N, C-alpha and C. Protein backbone atom coordinates (compact mmCIF):
# COMPACT_ATOMS: atom_id res chain seq x y z
N MET A 1 -48.73 56.86 -1.14
CA MET A 1 -48.45 55.32 -1.55
C MET A 1 -47.43 54.86 -0.53
N ALA A 2 -47.79 53.68 -0.06
CA ALA A 2 -46.51 53.17 0.80
C ALA A 2 -45.37 52.49 -0.16
N ALA A 3 -44.34 52.84 -0.06
CA ALA A 3 -43.02 51.91 -0.84
C ALA A 3 -43.11 50.62 -0.45
N THR A 4 -42.68 49.73 -2.01
CA THR A 4 -42.88 48.26 -1.41
C THR A 4 -41.33 48.21 -0.78
N THR A 5 -41.06 46.77 -0.48
CA THR A 5 -40.14 46.52 0.00
C THR A 5 -38.45 46.56 -1.08
N GLY A 6 -39.20 45.85 -2.45
CA GLY A 6 -38.04 46.43 -3.46
C GLY A 6 -37.80 48.18 -3.59
N GLU A 7 -38.55 48.62 -3.37
CA GLU A 7 -38.17 50.56 -3.73
C GLU A 7 -37.26 50.78 -2.34
N LYS A 8 -37.85 50.39 -1.52
CA LYS A 8 -37.03 50.56 0.11
C LYS A 8 -35.72 49.98 -0.15
N LEU A 9 -35.48 48.78 -0.68
CA LEU A 9 -34.00 47.95 -1.14
C LEU A 9 -33.43 48.88 -1.88
N LEU A 10 -34.11 49.14 -3.10
CA LEU A 10 -33.53 50.13 -4.26
C LEU A 10 -33.09 51.48 -3.63
N ARG A 11 -33.83 51.92 -2.71
CA ARG A 11 -33.46 53.13 -2.32
C ARG A 11 -32.53 53.35 -1.55
N HIS A 12 -32.37 52.22 -0.73
CA HIS A 12 -31.01 51.95 0.02
C HIS A 12 -29.61 51.17 -0.38
N TRP A 13 -29.78 50.98 -1.98
CA TRP A 13 -28.69 50.14 -2.50
C TRP A 13 -27.40 50.47 -1.41
N PRO A 14 -27.05 51.37 -1.16
CA PRO A 14 -25.36 51.49 -0.74
C PRO A 14 -25.85 50.93 0.75
N ALA A 15 -26.42 50.60 1.39
CA ALA A 15 -26.33 50.35 2.65
C ALA A 15 -26.36 48.89 2.40
N ALA A 16 -27.26 48.33 1.64
CA ALA A 16 -27.14 46.64 1.24
C ALA A 16 -25.64 46.58 0.69
N LEU A 17 -25.32 47.06 -0.05
CA LEU A 17 -23.90 46.87 -0.50
C LEU A 17 -22.85 46.95 0.58
N GLY A 18 -23.12 48.13 1.55
CA GLY A 18 -22.21 47.89 2.53
C GLY A 18 -22.06 46.56 3.08
N VAL A 19 -23.39 46.17 3.37
CA VAL A 19 -23.39 45.08 4.55
C VAL A 19 -22.66 43.77 3.32
N LEU A 20 -23.30 43.49 2.39
CA LEU A 20 -22.42 42.65 1.67
C LEU A 20 -20.67 42.52 1.58
N VAL A 21 -20.39 44.10 1.39
CA VAL A 21 -18.85 44.14 1.56
C VAL A 21 -18.19 43.93 2.67
N ALA A 22 -19.08 44.38 3.88
CA ALA A 22 -18.63 44.01 5.25
C ALA A 22 -18.49 42.64 5.60
N VAL A 23 -19.71 41.89 4.96
CA VAL A 23 -19.60 40.33 5.33
C VAL A 23 -18.91 39.53 5.08
N GLY A 24 -18.37 40.07 3.49
CA GLY A 24 -17.38 39.38 2.91
C GLY A 24 -15.80 39.61 3.44
N THR A 25 -15.70 40.72 3.90
CA THR A 25 -14.36 41.03 4.34
C THR A 25 -13.91 40.50 5.94
N VAL A 26 -14.74 40.84 6.73
CA VAL A 26 -14.77 39.95 7.95
C VAL A 26 -14.80 38.63 8.07
N LEU A 27 -15.46 38.03 7.03
CA LEU A 27 -14.97 36.54 6.62
C LEU A 27 -13.95 35.84 6.42
N ARG A 28 -13.48 36.88 6.00
CA ARG A 28 -11.76 36.50 5.14
C ARG A 28 -10.88 37.00 6.18
N LEU A 29 -11.02 37.60 7.44
CA LEU A 29 -9.92 37.97 8.33
C LEU A 29 -9.58 36.60 9.17
N ASP A 30 -8.54 36.64 9.50
CA ASP A 30 -7.27 35.57 10.30
C ASP A 30 -7.55 36.14 11.97
N HIS A 31 -7.09 37.43 11.61
CA HIS A 31 -7.13 38.26 12.65
C HIS A 31 -7.29 39.91 12.44
N GLY A 32 -7.76 40.64 13.52
CA GLY A 32 -7.97 41.78 13.73
C GLY A 32 -7.26 42.99 12.64
N SER A 33 -5.81 42.69 12.87
CA SER A 33 -5.08 43.73 12.38
C SER A 33 -5.32 43.53 10.89
N GLN A 34 -5.91 42.65 10.33
CA GLN A 34 -5.80 42.60 8.89
C GLN A 34 -6.91 43.47 8.38
N GLY A 35 -7.82 43.87 9.15
CA GLY A 35 -8.62 45.00 8.81
C GLY A 35 -7.96 46.40 8.54
N ALA A 36 -6.65 46.61 8.71
CA ALA A 36 -5.94 48.13 8.62
C ALA A 36 -6.30 48.56 7.23
N SER A 37 -6.19 47.71 6.69
CA SER A 37 -6.10 47.99 5.06
C SER A 37 -7.80 48.79 4.68
N VAL A 38 -8.60 48.11 5.29
CA VAL A 38 -9.91 49.07 5.34
C VAL A 38 -9.91 50.48 5.93
N VAL A 39 -9.14 50.28 6.96
CA VAL A 39 -8.70 51.86 7.57
C VAL A 39 -8.25 52.95 6.82
N ALA A 40 -7.44 52.42 6.18
CA ALA A 40 -6.63 53.14 5.12
C ALA A 40 -7.28 53.36 3.95
N ALA A 41 -8.31 52.63 3.54
CA ALA A 41 -8.89 52.88 2.30
C ALA A 41 -10.04 53.79 2.42
N SER A 42 -10.61 53.56 3.61
CA SER A 42 -11.83 54.59 4.16
C SER A 42 -11.34 55.94 4.26
N GLY A 43 -10.20 56.15 4.21
CA GLY A 43 -9.49 57.68 4.11
C GLY A 43 -9.14 58.12 2.60
N LEU A 44 -8.52 57.05 1.59
CA LEU A 44 -8.43 57.42 0.25
C LEU A 44 -9.47 57.91 -0.14
N VAL A 45 -10.92 57.06 -0.06
CA VAL A 45 -11.97 57.37 -0.75
C VAL A 45 -12.19 58.99 -0.88
N TYR A 46 -12.31 59.43 0.63
CA TYR A 46 -12.64 60.81 0.73
C TYR A 46 -11.72 61.84 0.08
N LEU A 47 -10.26 61.32 -0.06
CA LEU A 47 -9.31 61.99 -0.41
C LEU A 47 -9.36 62.48 -1.67
N ALA A 48 -9.96 61.38 -2.55
CA ALA A 48 -9.99 61.13 -3.91
C ALA A 48 -11.39 62.39 -4.57
N ALA A 49 -12.02 62.10 -3.61
CA ALA A 49 -13.28 63.10 -4.01
C ALA A 49 -12.58 64.61 -3.74
N ALA A 50 -11.96 64.77 -2.94
CA ALA A 50 -11.52 66.36 -2.32
C ALA A 50 -10.55 66.56 -3.65
N ALA A 51 -9.33 65.59 -3.36
CA ALA A 51 -8.41 66.29 -4.78
C ALA A 51 -8.59 66.63 -5.93
N THR A 52 -9.77 65.76 -6.44
CA THR A 52 -10.32 66.00 -7.58
C THR A 52 -11.56 66.97 -7.57
N THR A 53 -12.02 67.50 -6.43
CA THR A 53 -13.23 68.29 -6.37
C THR A 53 -14.30 67.77 -7.32
N HIS A 54 -14.37 66.46 -7.26
CA HIS A 54 -15.75 65.56 -7.91
C HIS A 54 -16.14 64.54 -6.85
N PRO A 55 -17.25 64.88 -6.40
CA PRO A 55 -17.98 63.97 -4.97
C PRO A 55 -17.75 62.34 -5.83
N GLY A 56 -18.25 62.24 -6.87
CA GLY A 56 -18.46 61.16 -7.54
C GLY A 56 -17.10 59.85 -7.65
N ALA A 57 -16.13 61.05 -7.26
CA ALA A 57 -14.68 59.92 -7.69
C ALA A 57 -14.39 59.37 -6.68
N ALA A 58 -15.15 59.20 -5.54
CA ALA A 58 -14.98 58.18 -4.58
C ALA A 58 -15.43 56.87 -4.65
N TRP A 59 -16.20 56.85 -5.67
CA TRP A 59 -16.61 55.55 -5.76
C TRP A 59 -15.64 54.64 -6.93
N PRO A 60 -14.88 55.09 -7.71
CA PRO A 60 -13.82 54.47 -8.61
C PRO A 60 -12.86 54.36 -7.86
N ALA A 61 -12.34 55.43 -6.80
CA ALA A 61 -11.46 55.57 -5.71
C ALA A 61 -11.48 53.80 -5.10
N PHE A 62 -13.10 53.76 -4.49
CA PHE A 62 -13.54 52.78 -3.68
C PHE A 62 -13.27 51.49 -4.41
N GLY A 63 -13.40 51.42 -5.65
CA GLY A 63 -13.02 50.44 -7.00
C GLY A 63 -11.80 49.75 -6.54
N VAL A 64 -10.93 50.95 -6.52
CA VAL A 64 -9.57 50.43 -6.58
C VAL A 64 -9.15 50.04 -5.05
N THR A 65 -9.55 50.42 -4.20
CA THR A 65 -9.19 50.02 -2.99
C THR A 65 -9.62 48.60 -2.58
N PHE A 66 -10.76 48.33 -3.52
CA PHE A 66 -11.75 47.26 -2.92
C PHE A 66 -10.31 45.90 -3.74
N VAL A 67 -10.09 46.38 -4.56
CA VAL A 67 -9.26 45.24 -5.53
C VAL A 67 -7.62 45.20 -4.46
N LEU A 68 -6.88 46.41 -4.22
CA LEU A 68 -6.15 46.05 -3.01
C LEU A 68 -6.53 45.48 -2.13
N VAL A 69 -7.48 46.13 -1.23
CA VAL A 69 -7.69 45.47 0.03
C VAL A 69 -7.98 43.64 -0.03
N GLY A 70 -8.55 43.38 -1.24
CA GLY A 70 -9.31 41.87 -1.74
C GLY A 70 -7.87 41.15 -1.82
N LEU A 71 -7.13 41.85 -2.67
CA LEU A 71 -5.47 41.28 -2.66
C LEU A 71 -4.80 40.83 -1.23
N GLY A 72 -4.93 42.12 -0.53
CA GLY A 72 -4.57 41.70 0.66
C GLY A 72 -5.14 40.57 1.77
N LEU A 73 -6.37 40.29 1.43
CA LEU A 73 -6.85 39.17 1.91
C LEU A 73 -6.79 37.60 1.83
N VAL A 74 -6.64 37.74 0.36
CA VAL A 74 -6.33 36.51 -0.46
C VAL A 74 -4.97 36.24 -0.68
N TRP A 75 -3.84 37.04 -0.45
CA TRP A 75 -2.81 36.87 -0.88
C TRP A 75 -1.82 37.42 0.39
N SER A 76 -1.20 36.21 1.05
CA SER A 76 -0.57 36.40 2.16
C SER A 76 0.38 37.45 2.04
N GLY A 77 1.21 37.40 1.06
CA GLY A 77 2.09 37.98 1.02
C GLY A 77 2.00 39.33 0.21
N PHE A 78 1.19 39.96 0.30
CA PHE A 78 0.59 41.34 -0.13
C PHE A 78 0.13 42.43 1.24
N ASP A 79 0.65 43.32 1.19
CA ASP A 79 -0.04 44.35 2.09
C ASP A 79 -0.36 45.47 1.45
N PRO A 80 -1.43 45.55 1.15
CA PRO A 80 -2.24 47.00 0.97
C PRO A 80 -1.78 48.28 1.35
N VAL A 81 -1.80 48.36 2.50
CA VAL A 81 -1.63 49.95 3.27
C VAL A 81 -0.45 50.51 2.80
N PRO A 82 0.77 50.17 2.39
CA PRO A 82 1.70 50.93 1.68
C PRO A 82 1.16 51.54 0.32
N TRP A 83 0.60 50.62 -0.16
CA TRP A 83 0.00 51.27 -1.62
C TRP A 83 -1.14 52.05 -1.62
N ILE A 84 -1.79 51.70 -0.43
CA ILE A 84 -2.85 52.98 -0.48
C ILE A 84 -2.43 54.45 0.03
N CYS A 85 -1.55 54.45 1.29
CA CYS A 85 -0.90 55.44 1.67
C CYS A 85 0.10 56.04 0.62
N VAL A 86 0.50 55.69 -0.50
CA VAL A 86 1.19 56.37 -1.67
C VAL A 86 0.33 56.80 -2.33
N ALA A 87 -0.58 56.04 -2.89
CA ALA A 87 -1.72 56.73 -3.77
C ALA A 87 -2.75 57.76 -2.86
N ALA A 88 -2.62 57.97 -1.80
CA ALA A 88 -3.16 59.10 -0.84
C ALA A 88 -2.04 60.32 -1.11
N LEU A 89 -0.78 60.36 -0.77
CA LEU A 89 -0.13 61.04 -1.13
C LEU A 89 -0.15 61.75 -2.58
N GLY A 90 -0.16 60.88 -3.38
CA GLY A 90 -0.24 61.31 -4.90
C GLY A 90 -1.74 61.98 -5.23
N LEU A 91 -3.03 61.55 -4.40
CA LEU A 91 -3.90 62.45 -4.89
C LEU A 91 -3.70 63.95 -4.22
N ALA A 92 -3.06 63.72 -2.80
CA ALA A 92 -2.77 64.83 -1.80
C ALA A 92 -2.15 65.87 -3.10
N VAL A 93 -1.26 65.65 -3.67
CA VAL A 93 -0.55 66.47 -4.47
C VAL A 93 -0.94 66.89 -5.80
N LEU A 94 -1.89 66.05 -6.28
CA LEU A 94 -2.42 66.47 -7.43
C LEU A 94 -3.68 67.43 -6.96
N GLY A 95 -4.41 67.19 -6.11
CA GLY A 95 -5.40 68.00 -5.57
C GLY A 95 -4.89 69.56 -5.21
N ILE A 96 -3.75 69.67 -4.86
CA ILE A 96 -3.01 70.89 -4.42
C ILE A 96 -2.36 71.61 -5.80
N VAL A 97 -1.89 70.68 -6.54
CA VAL A 97 -1.58 71.14 -8.01
C VAL A 97 -2.85 71.69 -8.77
N ARG A 98 -4.06 70.81 -8.99
CA ARG A 98 -5.11 71.13 -9.59
C ARG A 98 -5.65 72.22 -9.11
N ALA A 99 -6.41 72.13 -7.99
CA ALA A 99 -7.08 72.88 -7.18
C ALA A 99 -6.73 74.07 -6.20
N GLY A 100 -5.42 73.84 -5.74
CA GLY A 100 -5.00 74.50 -4.54
C GLY A 100 -5.72 74.06 -3.13
N LEU A 101 -5.77 74.89 -2.34
CA LEU A 101 -6.61 74.44 -1.20
C LEU A 101 -7.81 74.92 -1.29
N ARG A 102 -8.63 74.89 -2.35
CA ARG A 102 -10.05 75.17 -2.19
C ARG A 102 -10.83 74.15 -2.41
N PRO A 103 -12.29 74.19 -1.84
CA PRO A 103 -12.46 75.07 -0.83
C PRO A 103 -11.39 74.87 0.73
N VAL A 104 -11.33 75.54 1.37
CA VAL A 104 -10.06 75.45 2.10
C VAL A 104 -10.56 74.44 3.37
N TRP A 105 -11.77 74.13 3.70
CA TRP A 105 -12.32 72.77 4.30
C TRP A 105 -11.87 71.38 3.91
N SER A 106 -11.96 71.63 2.60
CA SER A 106 -11.85 69.71 1.87
C SER A 106 -10.65 69.05 1.68
N LEU A 107 -9.59 69.64 0.86
CA LEU A 107 -8.52 68.99 0.73
C LEU A 107 -7.62 69.09 1.97
N PRO A 108 -7.73 70.12 2.86
CA PRO A 108 -6.91 70.10 3.99
C PRO A 108 -7.44 68.96 5.10
N LEU A 109 -8.85 69.17 5.09
CA LEU A 109 -9.48 68.45 6.00
C LEU A 109 -9.29 66.88 5.76
N GLN A 110 -9.85 66.62 4.43
CA GLN A 110 -9.30 65.10 3.82
C GLN A 110 -7.78 64.48 3.85
N SER A 111 -7.14 65.43 3.81
CA SER A 111 -5.48 65.19 3.96
C SER A 111 -5.41 64.92 5.19
N ALA A 112 -5.63 65.67 6.22
CA ALA A 112 -5.51 65.52 7.77
C ALA A 112 -6.27 63.87 8.36
N ALA A 113 -7.46 63.87 7.69
CA ALA A 113 -8.30 62.60 8.19
C ALA A 113 -7.13 61.62 7.53
N MET A 114 -6.76 61.40 6.07
CA MET A 114 -6.14 60.35 5.43
C MET A 114 -4.68 60.05 6.39
N LEU A 115 -4.21 61.33 6.78
CA LEU A 115 -2.88 61.09 7.67
C LEU A 115 -3.28 60.48 8.96
N VAL A 116 -4.22 60.81 9.47
CA VAL A 116 -4.70 59.81 11.10
C VAL A 116 -5.00 58.59 10.39
N LEU A 117 -5.57 58.59 9.49
CA LEU A 117 -6.45 56.93 8.94
C LEU A 117 -5.27 56.48 8.86
N GLY A 118 -4.22 56.74 7.92
CA GLY A 118 -3.43 56.24 7.63
C GLY A 118 -1.88 55.59 8.48
N ALA A 119 -1.98 56.45 9.60
CA ALA A 119 -1.26 56.08 10.63
C ALA A 119 -1.91 55.05 11.51
N ALA A 120 -3.09 55.15 11.58
CA ALA A 120 -3.64 54.13 12.82
C ALA A 120 -3.73 52.84 11.90
N ALA A 121 -3.71 52.51 10.57
CA ALA A 121 -3.47 51.27 9.66
C ALA A 121 -2.09 51.05 9.94
N VAL A 122 -0.91 51.82 9.64
CA VAL A 122 0.50 51.72 9.81
C VAL A 122 0.65 50.85 11.29
N LEU A 123 0.08 51.27 12.27
CA LEU A 123 0.23 51.34 13.54
C LEU A 123 -0.06 50.01 13.88
N ALA A 124 -1.64 49.59 13.51
CA ALA A 124 -2.29 48.29 13.44
C ALA A 124 -1.81 47.19 12.76
N VAL A 125 -1.18 47.63 11.69
CA VAL A 125 -0.28 46.37 10.57
C VAL A 125 1.27 46.39 11.74
N ARG A 126 1.63 46.87 12.07
CA ARG A 126 3.02 46.69 12.76
C ARG A 126 2.78 46.29 14.27
N ALA A 127 1.60 46.23 14.80
CA ALA A 127 1.54 46.11 16.40
C ALA A 127 0.73 44.58 16.21
N GLU A 128 1.04 43.93 17.38
CA GLU A 128 0.36 42.67 17.79
C GLU A 128 -0.78 42.26 17.55
N HIS A 129 -1.37 41.13 17.08
CA HIS A 129 -2.77 41.15 16.75
C HIS A 129 -4.25 41.97 17.35
N VAL A 130 -3.84 41.48 18.48
CA VAL A 130 -4.88 42.03 19.56
C VAL A 130 -5.11 43.67 19.69
N THR A 131 -3.81 44.40 19.73
CA THR A 131 -3.72 45.75 19.94
C THR A 131 -3.92 46.17 18.10
N GLY A 132 -3.52 45.65 17.19
CA GLY A 132 -3.62 46.08 16.12
C GLY A 132 -5.02 45.84 15.83
N GLY A 133 -6.01 45.08 16.10
CA GLY A 133 -7.53 44.85 16.00
C GLY A 133 -8.12 45.83 16.50
N ILE A 134 -7.79 46.16 17.60
CA ILE A 134 -8.37 47.50 18.72
C ILE A 134 -8.42 48.62 17.50
N VAL A 135 -6.93 48.87 17.50
CA VAL A 135 -7.00 50.30 16.72
C VAL A 135 -7.78 50.18 15.53
N VAL A 136 -7.62 49.22 14.45
CA VAL A 136 -8.65 48.97 13.16
C VAL A 136 -9.91 49.21 13.66
N SER A 137 -10.55 48.84 14.76
CA SER A 137 -11.92 49.03 15.40
C SER A 137 -12.29 50.36 15.85
N VAL A 138 -11.77 50.67 16.45
CA VAL A 138 -11.58 52.30 16.66
C VAL A 138 -11.52 52.93 15.59
N ALA A 139 -10.68 53.16 14.45
CA ALA A 139 -10.57 54.06 13.69
C ALA A 139 -11.49 53.47 12.90
N LEU A 140 -12.35 52.57 12.46
CA LEU A 140 -13.49 52.53 11.50
C LEU A 140 -14.74 53.09 12.08
N PHE A 141 -14.84 53.06 13.65
CA PHE A 141 -16.02 53.38 14.05
C PHE A 141 -15.96 54.96 14.33
N GLY A 142 -14.70 55.45 14.10
CA GLY A 142 -14.48 56.86 14.31
C GLY A 142 -14.92 57.41 12.87
N HIS A 143 -14.38 56.27 11.89
CA HIS A 143 -14.65 57.20 10.47
C HIS A 143 -15.91 56.57 10.16
N ALA A 144 -16.59 55.96 11.02
CA ALA A 144 -18.61 55.92 10.38
C ALA A 144 -18.77 57.46 11.09
N ALA A 145 -18.48 57.45 12.03
CA ALA A 145 -18.88 59.09 12.58
C ALA A 145 -18.68 60.41 11.19
N TRP A 146 -17.48 60.17 10.70
CA TRP A 146 -16.99 61.09 9.73
C TRP A 146 -18.21 60.79 8.48
N ASP A 147 -18.20 59.61 8.30
CA ASP A 147 -19.19 59.21 7.27
C ASP A 147 -20.61 59.86 7.84
N TRP A 148 -21.25 59.58 8.59
CA TRP A 148 -22.52 59.99 9.31
C TRP A 148 -22.50 61.90 8.71
N TRP A 149 -21.56 62.49 9.39
CA TRP A 149 -21.26 64.01 8.97
C TRP A 149 -21.23 64.14 7.43
N HIS A 150 -20.64 63.51 6.58
CA HIS A 150 -20.75 63.97 5.38
C HIS A 150 -22.07 63.84 5.02
N HIS A 151 -22.40 62.57 5.04
CA HIS A 151 -23.99 62.30 4.69
C HIS A 151 -25.31 63.23 4.79
N ARG A 152 -24.91 63.89 6.35
CA ARG A 152 -25.81 64.59 6.37
C ARG A 152 -25.47 65.93 6.12
N THR A 153 -24.44 66.64 5.71
CA THR A 153 -24.01 68.05 5.13
C THR A 153 -23.81 67.77 3.83
N GLU A 154 -23.62 66.50 3.03
CA GLU A 154 -23.76 66.43 1.81
C GLU A 154 -22.70 67.13 1.13
N ARG A 155 -21.55 66.78 2.20
CA ARG A 155 -20.05 67.49 1.39
C ARG A 155 -19.14 66.26 0.95
N VAL A 156 -18.16 66.68 0.03
CA VAL A 156 -17.07 65.86 -0.28
C VAL A 156 -17.25 64.77 -1.45
N VAL A 157 -18.35 63.87 -0.73
CA VAL A 157 -18.51 62.77 -1.34
C VAL A 157 -19.85 62.66 -1.42
N THR A 158 -20.63 61.74 -2.36
CA THR A 158 -21.93 61.73 -2.40
C THR A 158 -22.63 61.19 -1.40
N ARG A 159 -23.73 61.17 -1.38
CA ARG A 159 -24.57 60.70 -0.15
C ARG A 159 -24.60 59.24 -0.44
N SER A 160 -24.44 58.46 -1.15
CA SER A 160 -24.51 57.29 -1.37
C SER A 160 -23.25 56.62 -1.23
N LEU A 161 -22.35 57.39 -1.30
CA LEU A 161 -21.03 56.64 -0.65
C LEU A 161 -20.98 57.00 0.77
N ALA A 162 -21.24 57.86 1.25
CA ALA A 162 -20.95 58.24 2.65
C ALA A 162 -21.91 56.98 3.30
N GLU A 163 -23.15 57.00 2.95
CA GLU A 163 -24.02 55.66 3.45
C GLU A 163 -23.52 54.12 3.10
N PHE A 164 -23.11 54.06 2.26
CA PHE A 164 -22.44 52.73 2.21
C PHE A 164 -21.19 52.54 2.92
N CYS A 165 -20.46 53.51 3.04
CA CYS A 165 -19.02 53.44 3.93
C CYS A 165 -19.44 53.36 5.11
N GLY A 166 -20.67 54.21 5.67
CA GLY A 166 -21.00 54.31 7.00
C GLY A 166 -21.30 52.77 7.68
N VAL A 167 -22.24 52.18 6.73
CA VAL A 167 -22.41 50.90 7.17
C VAL A 167 -21.39 49.89 7.14
N LEU A 168 -20.33 50.03 6.00
CA LEU A 168 -19.16 49.34 6.12
C LEU A 168 -18.07 49.33 7.46
N ASP A 169 -18.19 50.75 7.49
CA ASP A 169 -17.32 50.79 8.61
C ASP A 169 -17.93 49.97 10.08
N VAL A 170 -18.99 50.77 10.15
CA VAL A 170 -19.69 50.00 11.48
C VAL A 170 -19.54 48.21 11.52
N LEU A 171 -19.88 47.72 10.34
CA LEU A 171 -19.59 46.58 10.76
C LEU A 171 -18.45 45.49 10.59
N VAL A 172 -17.63 46.41 9.82
CA VAL A 172 -16.30 45.77 9.70
C VAL A 172 -15.66 46.22 11.21
N GLY A 173 -16.10 47.42 11.60
CA GLY A 173 -15.30 47.43 13.06
C GLY A 173 -15.89 46.60 14.12
N ALA A 174 -17.24 46.20 13.81
CA ALA A 174 -17.51 45.21 15.00
C ALA A 174 -17.26 44.08 14.39
N GLY A 175 -17.37 43.51 13.46
CA GLY A 175 -16.40 42.14 13.36
C GLY A 175 -14.90 42.21 13.50
N VAL A 176 -14.42 43.25 13.18
CA VAL A 176 -12.95 43.24 13.61
C VAL A 176 -12.79 42.97 15.45
N LEU A 177 -13.62 43.66 15.82
CA LEU A 177 -13.44 43.56 17.33
C LEU A 177 -14.04 42.20 18.02
N VAL A 178 -15.02 41.68 17.17
CA VAL A 178 -15.39 39.98 17.73
C VAL A 178 -14.32 39.28 17.09
N VAL A 179 -13.79 39.38 16.16
CA VAL A 179 -12.67 38.45 15.62
C VAL A 179 -11.35 38.75 16.60
N THR A 180 -11.26 40.03 16.99
CA THR A 180 -9.91 40.24 17.78
C THR A 180 -9.91 39.75 19.20
N LEU A 181 -11.12 40.08 19.84
CA LEU A 181 -11.30 39.62 21.31
C LEU A 181 -11.90 37.69 21.52
N THR A 182 -11.96 37.14 20.39
CA THR A 182 -12.45 35.85 20.58
C THR A 182 -11.42 35.02 19.78
N MET A 183 -10.19 35.32 19.42
CA MET A 183 -9.26 34.52 19.16
C MET A 183 -8.52 33.91 20.61
């Protein structure tokens, strides 16, 4: 029996939510480098799951980053990137204390990814807007590939989070690129 449109949408709710969050994010951007906090957040949610050894921990971590990124988009005096990076450091330490480096591929790999994404976010915030926007866009497209791999292998985060994040990263990356190149 063929699935109805409602059943298909329900099955792909993470992608639909990713579209909704991406559109809301891109519409709030004045310039591309403002998307830097999304880059940092994308690393933090994966690191949260690896540090706690619970794939579902990525969703509450997303909730925290959603609030921080949102504050940064509506309150010009607030930069969420340092807060996200400090939280990531705390999660990495928690993960080492709690679980050590087991499994070997999880916490060290997610920590390295967070380091790269955090550095890209800091660079984007500090760069002029065009360079910053391009850095954000490239980082988000790279993270979308990361999401795809995690969705396919079902490692570290839940499939729903990987699906959501992949859609979000591609759409925000494209939106940042448009905002950056049309300013």
